[in-house]
PDB file of N, CA and C in Angstrom:
ATOM      1  N   MET A   1      50.084  72.176  76.592  1.00  0.00           N
ATOM      2  CA  MET A   1      49.018  72.231  75.621  1.00  0.00           C
ATOM      3  C   MET A   1      48.732  73.703  75.319  1.00  0.00           C
ATOM      4  N   SER A   2      48.554  73.984  74.064  1.00  0.00           N
ATOM      5  CA  SER A   2      48.320  75.367  73.648  1.00  0.00           C
ATOM      6  C   SER A   2      46.879  75.780  73.978  1.00  0.00           C
ATOM      7  N   PRO A   3      46.657  77.083  74.071  1.00  0.00           N
ATOM      8  CA  PRO A   3      45.285  77.553  74.305  1.00  0.00           C
ATOM      9  C   PRO A   3      44.322  77.076  73.213  1.00  0.00           C
ATOM     10  N   ALA A   4      44.792  77.035  71.984  1.00  0.00           N
ATOM     11  CA  ALA A   4      43.933  76.584  70.883  1.00  0.00           C
ATOM     12  C   ALA A   4      43.550  75.107  71.057  1.00  0.00           C
ATOM     13  N   GLU A   5      44.487  74.295  71.499  1.00  0.00           N
ATOM     14  CA  GLU A   5      44.197  72.874  71.721  1.00  0.00           C
ATOM     15  C   GLU A   5      43.212  72.694  72.878  1.00  0.00           C
ATOM     16  N   ARG A   6      43.386  73.464  73.948  1.00  0.00           N
ATOM     17  CA  ARG A   6      42.441  73.402  75.070  1.00  0.00           C
ATOM     18  C   ARG A   6      41.036  73.762  74.606  1.00  0.00           C
ATOM     19  N   GLN A   7      40.939  74.781  73.763  1.00  0.00           N
ATOM     20  CA  GLN A   7      39.642  75.210  73.245  1.00  0.00           C
ATOM     21  C   GLN A   7      39.025  74.123  72.358  1.00  0.00           C
ATOM     22  N   ARG A   8      39.828  73.499  71.515  1.00  0.00           N
ATOM     23  CA  ARG A   8      39.321  72.408  70.661  1.00  0.00           C
ATOM     24  C   ARG A   8      38.783  71.262  71.512  1.00  0.00           C
ATOM     25  N   ARG A   9      39.533  70.914  72.552  1.00  0.00           N
ATOM     26  CA  ARG A   9      39.107  69.830  73.434  1.00  0.00           C
ATOM     27  C   ARG A   9      37.823  70.189  74.181  1.00  0.00           C
ATOM     28  N   ARG A  10      37.724  71.438  74.635  1.00  0.00           N
ATOM     29  CA  ARG A  10      36.515  71.881  75.332  1.00  0.00           C
ATOM     30  C   ARG A  10      35.304  71.814  74.404  1.00  0.00           C
ATOM     31  N   ARG A  11      35.472  72.273  73.183  1.00  0.00           N
ATOM     32  CA  ARG A  11      34.364  72.232  72.222  1.00  0.00           C
ATOM     33  C   ARG A  11      33.976  70.798  71.874  1.00  0.00           C
ATOM     34  N   ALA A  12      34.956  69.921  71.743  1.00  0.00           N
ATOM     35  CA  ALA A  12      34.667  68.508  71.468  1.00  0.00           C
ATOM     36  C   ALA A  12      33.877  67.897  72.626  1.00  0.00           C
ATOM     37  N   ARG A  13      34.264  68.232  73.868  1.00  0.00           N
ATOM     38  CA  ARG A  13      33.512  67.738  75.026  1.00  0.00           C
ATOM     39  C   ARG A  13      32.083  68.262  75.002  1.00  0.00           C
ATOM     40  N   GLN A  14      31.927  69.542  74.685  1.00  0.00           N
ATOM     41  CA  GLN A  14      30.582  70.126  74.626  1.00  0.00           C
ATOM     42  C   GLN A  14      29.719  69.412  73.599  1.00  0.00           C
ATOM     43  N   ARG A  15      30.275  69.153  72.422  1.00  0.00           N
ATOM     44  CA  ARG A  15      29.518  68.456  71.378  1.00  0.00           C
ATOM     45  C   ARG A  15      29.114  67.059  71.828  1.00  0.00           C
ATOM     46  N   ALA A  16      29.969  66.433  72.621  1.00  0.00           N
ATOM     47  CA  ALA A  16      29.694  65.075  73.100  1.00  0.00           C
ATOM     48  C   ALA A  16      28.813  65.078  74.354  1.00  0.00           C
ATOM     49  N   GLY A  17      28.457  66.274  74.842  1.00  0.00           N
ATOM     50  CA  GLY A  17      27.641  66.356  76.043  1.00  0.00           C
ATOM     51  C   GLY A  17      28.417  66.027  77.311  1.00  0.00           C
ATOM     52  N   ARG A  18      29.712  66.267  77.289  1.00  0.00           N
ATOM     53  CA  ARG A  18      30.583  65.962  78.425  1.00  0.00           C
ATOM     54  C   ARG A  18      31.083  67.260  79.040  1.00  0.00           C
ATOM     55  N   ARG A  19      31.536  67.177  80.298  1.00  0.00           N
ATOM     56  CA  ARG A  19      32.161  68.327  80.936  1.00  0.00           C
ATOM     57  C   ARG A  19      33.138  67.848  81.991  1.00  0.00           C
ATOM     58  N   VAL A  20      34.070  68.704  82.324  1.00  0.00           N
ATOM     59  CA  VAL A  20      35.057  68.418  83.358  1.00  0.00           C
ATOM     60  C   VAL A  20      34.600  69.128  84.624  1.00  0.00           C
ATOM     61  N   ILE A  21      34.556  68.376  85.731  1.00  0.00           N
ATOM     62  CA  ILE A  21      34.157  68.937  87.011  1.00  0.00           C
ATOM     63  C   ILE A  21      35.231  68.594  88.025  1.00  0.00           C
ATOM     64  N   ARG A  22      35.750  69.589  88.704  1.00  0.00           N
ATOM     65  CA  ARG A  22      36.750  69.358  89.747  1.00  0.00           C
ATOM     66  C   ARG A  22      36.016  69.119  91.056  1.00  0.00           C
ATOM     67  N   VAL A  23      36.375  68.019  91.722  1.00  0.00           N
ATOM     68  CA  VAL A  23      35.733  67.647  92.972  1.00  0.00           C
ATOM     69  C   VAL A  23      36.810  67.249  93.963  1.00  0.00           C
ATOM     70  N   GLU A  24      36.756  67.792  95.176  1.00  0.00           N
ATOM     71  CA  GLU A  24      37.697  67.407  96.211  1.00  0.00           C
ATOM     72  C   GLU A  24      37.137  66.195  96.949  1.00  0.00           C
ATOM     73  N   VAL A  25      37.948  65.138  97.046  1.00  0.00           N
ATOM     74  CA  VAL A  25      37.525  63.908  97.703  1.00  0.00           C
ATOM     75  C   VAL A  25      38.615  63.416  98.648  1.00  0.00           C
ATOM     76  N   ASP A  26      38.240  62.529  99.545  1.00  0.00           N
ATOM     77  CA  ASP A  26      39.214  61.879 100.418  1.00  0.00           C
ATOM     78  C   ASP A  26      39.953  60.852  99.568  1.00  0.00           C
ATOM     79  N   GLU A  27      41.246  61.037  99.403  1.00  0.00           N
ATOM     80  CA  GLU A  27      42.037  60.198  98.499  1.00  0.00           C
ATOM     81  C   GLU A  27      41.970  58.721  98.875  1.00  0.00           C
ATOM     82  N   ALA A  28      42.260  58.403 100.121  1.00  0.00           N
ATOM     83  CA  ALA A  28      42.306  57.000 100.541  1.00  0.00           C
ATOM     84  C   ALA A  28      40.933  56.345 100.449  1.00  0.00           C
ATOM     85  N   ALA A  29      39.891  57.052 100.892  1.00  0.00           N
ATOM     86  CA  ALA A  29      38.543  56.484 100.851  1.00  0.00           C
ATOM     87  C   ALA A  29      38.081  56.256  99.415  1.00  0.00           C
ATOM     88  N   THR A  30      38.401  57.199  98.533  1.00  0.00           N
ATOM     89  CA  THR A  30      38.006  57.069  97.131  1.00  0.00           C
ATOM     90  C   THR A  30      38.717  55.893  96.473  1.00  0.00           C
ATOM     91  N   GLU A  31      40.023  55.800  96.683  1.00  0.00           N
ATOM     92  CA  GLU A  31      40.776  54.684  96.105  1.00  0.00           C
ATOM     93  C   GLU A  31      40.283  53.354  96.660  1.00  0.00           C
ATOM     94  N   ASP A  32      39.987  53.309  97.950  1.00  0.00           N
ATOM     95  CA  ASP A  32      39.481  52.079  98.563  1.00  0.00           C
ATOM     96  C   ASP A  32      38.133  51.692  97.963  1.00  0.00           C
ATOM     97  N   ALA A  33      37.232  52.660  97.836  1.00  0.00           N
ATOM     98  CA  ALA A  33      35.919  52.373  97.279  1.00  0.00           C
ATOM     99  C   ALA A  33      36.022  51.912  95.825  1.00  0.00           C
ATOM    100  N   LEU A  34      36.821  52.605  95.034  1.00  0.00           N
ATOM    101  CA  LEU A  34      36.974  52.228  93.624  1.00  0.00           C
ATOM    102  C   LEU A  34      37.576  50.836  93.486  1.00  0.00           C
ATOM    103  N   THR A  35      38.493  50.503  94.380  1.00  0.00           N
ATOM    104  CA  THR A  35      39.110  49.179  94.358  1.00  0.00           C
ATOM    105  C   THR A  35      38.093  48.112  94.758  1.00  0.00           C
ATOM    106  N   ARG A  36      37.372  48.341  95.851  1.00  0.00           N
ATOM    107  CA  ARG A  36      36.378  47.377  96.328  1.00  0.00           C
ATOM    108  C   ARG A  36      35.265  47.150  95.319  1.00  0.00           C
ATOM    109  N   LEU A  37      34.903  48.202  94.584  1.00  0.00           N
ATOM    110  CA  LEU A  37      33.840  48.087  93.587  1.00  0.00           C
ATOM    111  C   LEU A  37      34.331  47.532  92.252  1.00  0.00           C
ATOM    112  N   GLY A  38      35.635  47.322  92.136  1.00  0.00           N
ATOM    113  CA  GLY A  38      36.184  46.729  90.926  1.00  0.00           C
ATOM    114  C   GLY A  38      36.496  47.704  89.807  1.00  0.00           C
ATOM    115  N   TYR A  39      36.477  48.988  90.091  1.00  0.00           N
ATOM    116  CA  TYR A  39      36.774  49.984  89.071  1.00  0.00           C
ATOM    117  C   TYR A  39      38.253  50.312  88.972  1.00  0.00           C
ATOM    118  N   LEU A  40      39.027  49.965  90.005  1.00  0.00           N
ATOM    119  CA  LEU A  40      40.432  50.335  90.058  1.00  0.00           C
ATOM    120  C   LEU A  40      41.240  49.168  90.610  1.00  0.00           C
ATOM    121  N   SER A  41      42.306  48.821  89.918  1.00  0.00           N
ATOM    122  CA  SER A  41      43.207  47.780  90.395  1.00  0.00           C
ATOM    123  C   SER A  41      43.967  48.297  91.614  1.00  0.00           C
ATOM    124  N   PRO A  42      44.137  47.462  92.638  1.00  0.00           N
ATOM    125  CA  PRO A  42      44.920  47.888  93.795  1.00  0.00           C
ATOM    126  C   PRO A  42      46.354  48.272  93.415  1.00  0.00           C
ATOM    127  N   LEU A  43      46.826  47.768  92.307  1.00  0.00           N
ATOM    128  CA  LEU A  43      48.175  48.075  91.848  1.00  0.00           C
ATOM    129  C   LEU A  43      48.263  49.423  91.129  1.00  0.00           C
ATOM    130  N   ARG A  44      47.118  50.046  90.855  1.00  0.00           N
ATOM    131  CA  ARG A  44      47.105  51.299  90.087  1.00  0.00           C
ATOM    132  C   ARG A  44      46.655  52.502  90.910  1.00  0.00           C
ATOM    133  N   THR A  45      46.521  52.347  92.238  1.00  0.00           N
ATOM    134  CA  THR A  45      46.025  53.461  93.052  1.00  0.00           C
ATOM    135  C   THR A  45      46.972  54.653  93.082  1.00  0.00           C
ATOM    136  N   ASP A  46      48.213  54.447  92.712  1.00  0.00           N
ATOM    137  CA  ASP A  46      49.180  55.550  92.705  1.00  0.00           C
ATOM    138  C   ASP A  46      49.226  56.281  91.365  1.00  0.00           C
ATOM    139  N   ASP A  47      48.383  55.876  90.421  1.00  0.00           N
ATOM    140  CA  ASP A  47      48.341  56.492  89.091  1.00  0.00           C
ATOM    141  C   ASP A  47      47.130  57.428  89.010  1.00  0.00           C
ATOM    142  N   PRO A  48      47.346  58.742  89.073  1.00  0.00           N
ATOM    143  CA  PRO A  48      46.221  59.691  89.079  1.00  0.00           C
ATOM    144  C   PRO A  48      45.287  59.555  87.880  1.00  0.00           C
ATOM    145  N   LYS A  49      45.838  59.255  86.712  1.00  0.00           N
ATOM    146  CA  LYS A  49      44.991  59.099  85.519  1.00  0.00           C
ATOM    147  C   LYS A  49      44.089  57.873  85.639  1.00  0.00           C
ATOM    148  N   GLU A  50      44.604  56.800  86.233  1.00  0.00           N
ATOM    149  CA  GLU A  50      43.797  55.596  86.427  1.00  0.00           C
ATOM    150  C   GLU A  50      42.695  55.837  87.454  1.00  0.00           C
ATOM    151  N   VAL A  51      43.015  56.562  88.509  1.00  0.00           N
ATOM    152  CA  VAL A  51      41.996  56.897  89.513  1.00  0.00           C
ATOM    153  C   VAL A  51      40.926  57.773  88.865  1.00  0.00           C
ATOM    154  N   GLU A  52      41.332  58.736  88.074  1.00  0.00           N
ATOM    155  CA  GLU A  52      40.392  59.607  87.366  1.00  0.00           C
ATOM    156  C   GLU A  52      39.506  58.798  86.426  1.00  0.00           C
ATOM    157  N   ARG A  53      40.104  57.881  85.666  1.00  0.00           N
ATOM    158  CA  ARG A  53      39.338  57.040  84.745  1.00  0.00           C
ATOM    159  C   ARG A  53      38.328  56.187  85.500  1.00  0.00           C
ATOM    160  N   ALA A  54      38.774  55.594  86.612  1.00  0.00           N
ATOM    161  CA  ALA A  54      37.904  54.726  87.406  1.00  0.00           C
ATOM    162  C   ALA A  54      36.741  55.520  88.001  1.00  0.00           C
ATOM    163  N   LEU A  55      37.014  56.699  88.516  1.00  0.00           N
ATOM    164  CA  LEU A  55      35.960  57.513  89.097  1.00  0.00           C
ATOM    165  C   LEU A  55      34.962  57.949  88.023  1.00  0.00           C
ATOM    166  N   ALA A  56      35.443  58.314  86.862  1.00  0.00           N
ATOM    167  CA  ALA A  56      34.560  58.691  85.752  1.00  0.00           C
ATOM    168  C   ALA A  56      33.678  57.513  85.348  1.00  0.00           C
ATOM    169  N   ALA A  57      34.249  56.309  85.309  1.00  0.00           N
ATOM    170  CA  ALA A  57      33.478  55.116  84.954  1.00  0.00           C
ATOM    171  C   ALA A  57      32.387  54.852  85.989  1.00  0.00           C
ATOM    172  N   LEU A  58      32.716  55.006  87.266  1.00  0.00           N
ATOM    173  CA  LEU A  58      31.724  54.812  88.323  1.00  0.00           C
ATOM    174  C   LEU A  58      30.589  55.826  88.203  1.00  0.00           C
ATOM    175  N   ILE A  59      30.930  57.087  87.986  1.00  0.00           N
ATOM    176  CA  ILE A  59      29.905  58.121  87.851  1.00  0.00           C
ATOM    177  C   ILE A  59      29.039  57.869  86.623  1.00  0.00           C
ATOM    178  N   ASP A  60      29.657  57.508  85.497  1.00  0.00           N
ATOM    179  CA  ASP A  60      28.887  57.201  84.286  1.00  0.00           C
ATOM    180  C   ASP A  60      27.912  56.057  84.539  1.00  0.00           C
ATOM    181  N   ARG A  61      28.377  55.017  85.208  1.00  0.00           N
ATOM    182  CA  ARG A  61      27.507  53.861  85.475  1.00  0.00           C
ATOM    183  C   ARG A  61      26.361  54.248  86.404  1.00  0.00           C
ATOM    184  N   ALA A  62      26.650  55.049  87.421  1.00  0.00           N
ATOM    185  CA  ALA A  62      25.598  55.491  88.336  1.00  0.00           C
ATOM    186  C   ALA A  62      24.556  56.327  87.592  1.00  0.00           C
ATOM    187  N   CYS A  63      24.997  57.222  86.732  1.00  0.00           N
ATOM    188  CA  CYS A  63      24.071  58.053  85.956  1.00  0.00           C
ATOM    189  C   CYS A  63      23.212  57.201  85.033  1.00  0.00           C
ATOM    190  N   GLU A  64      23.808  56.210  84.388  1.00  0.00           N
ATOM    191  CA  GLU A  64      23.051  55.309  83.517  1.00  0.00           C
ATOM    192  C   GLU A  64      21.995  54.558  84.316  1.00  0.00           C
ATOM    193  N   ALA A  65      22.339  54.093  85.507  1.00  0.00           N
ATOM    194  CA  ALA A  65      21.399  53.347  86.341  1.00  0.00           C
ATOM    195  C   ALA A  65      20.235  54.230  86.770  1.00  0.00           C
ATOM    196  N   VAL A  66      20.529  55.448  87.163  1.00  0.00           N
ATOM    197  CA  VAL A  66      19.470  56.365  87.581  1.00  0.00           C
ATOM    198  C   VAL A  66      18.553  56.693  86.398  1.00  0.00           C
ATOM    199  N   THR A  67      19.136  56.944  85.241  1.00  0.00           N
ATOM    200  CA  THR A  67      18.356  57.259  84.051  1.00  0.00           C
ATOM    201  C   THR A  67      17.479  56.066  83.659  1.00  0.00           C
ATOM    202  N   ARG A  68      18.042  54.879  83.703  1.00  0.00           N
ATOM    203  CA  ARG A  68      17.304  53.660  83.363  1.00  0.00           C
ATOM    204  C   ARG A  68      16.154  53.464  84.344  1.00  0.00           C
ATOM    205  N   ASP A  69      16.414  53.630  85.645  1.00  0.00           N
ATOM    206  CA  ASP A  69      15.368  53.459  86.654  1.00  0.00           C
ATOM    207  C   ASP A  69      14.264  54.494  86.492  1.00  0.00           C
ATOM    208  N   ALA A  70      14.627  55.714  86.149  1.00  0.00           N
ATOM    209  CA  ALA A  70      13.631  56.780  85.967  1.00  0.00           C
ATOM    210  C   ALA A  70      12.738  56.471  84.773  1.00  0.00           C
ATOM    211  N   ALA A  71      13.282  55.838  83.752  1.00  0.00           N
ATOM    212  CA  ALA A  71      12.493  55.504  82.566  1.00  0.00           C
ATOM    213  C   ALA A  71      11.455  54.423  82.858  1.00  0.00           C
ATOM    214  N   ASP A  72      11.708  53.638  83.892  1.00  0.00           N
ATOM    215  CA  ASP A  72      10.791  52.555  84.255  1.00  0.00           C
ATOM    216  C   ASP A  72       9.600  53.037  85.068  1.00  0.00           C
ATOM    217  N   ILE A  73       9.659  54.284  85.520  1.00  0.00           N
ATOM    218  CA  ILE A  73       8.582  54.811  86.377  1.00  0.00           C
ATOM    219  C   ILE A  73       7.389  55.193  85.544  1.00  0.00           C
TER     220      ILE A  73
END
C-alpha cells in the first residue's frame, strides 16, 4: 500500500471516529474467548483477519453496552 493510500485510509477512519490500536493479547485465550462468545468460528481461529474482525466486533458491542447503560443513569 502506498503512503498516500495509508493516509487516505487514516483520514477516513478519523472522519468515521475510528482508530487502530495495537494490543498484545494471549493468542489462545483470545481465540477461545471469541469462540465461546460466538464472535469467531472455531474453524477460523487460524485466520488473523477473522480474529481481528471478531475482536473488533466484541469491543464495539462492549462499548455500545457501556454507553447504553450510562445513558440510563
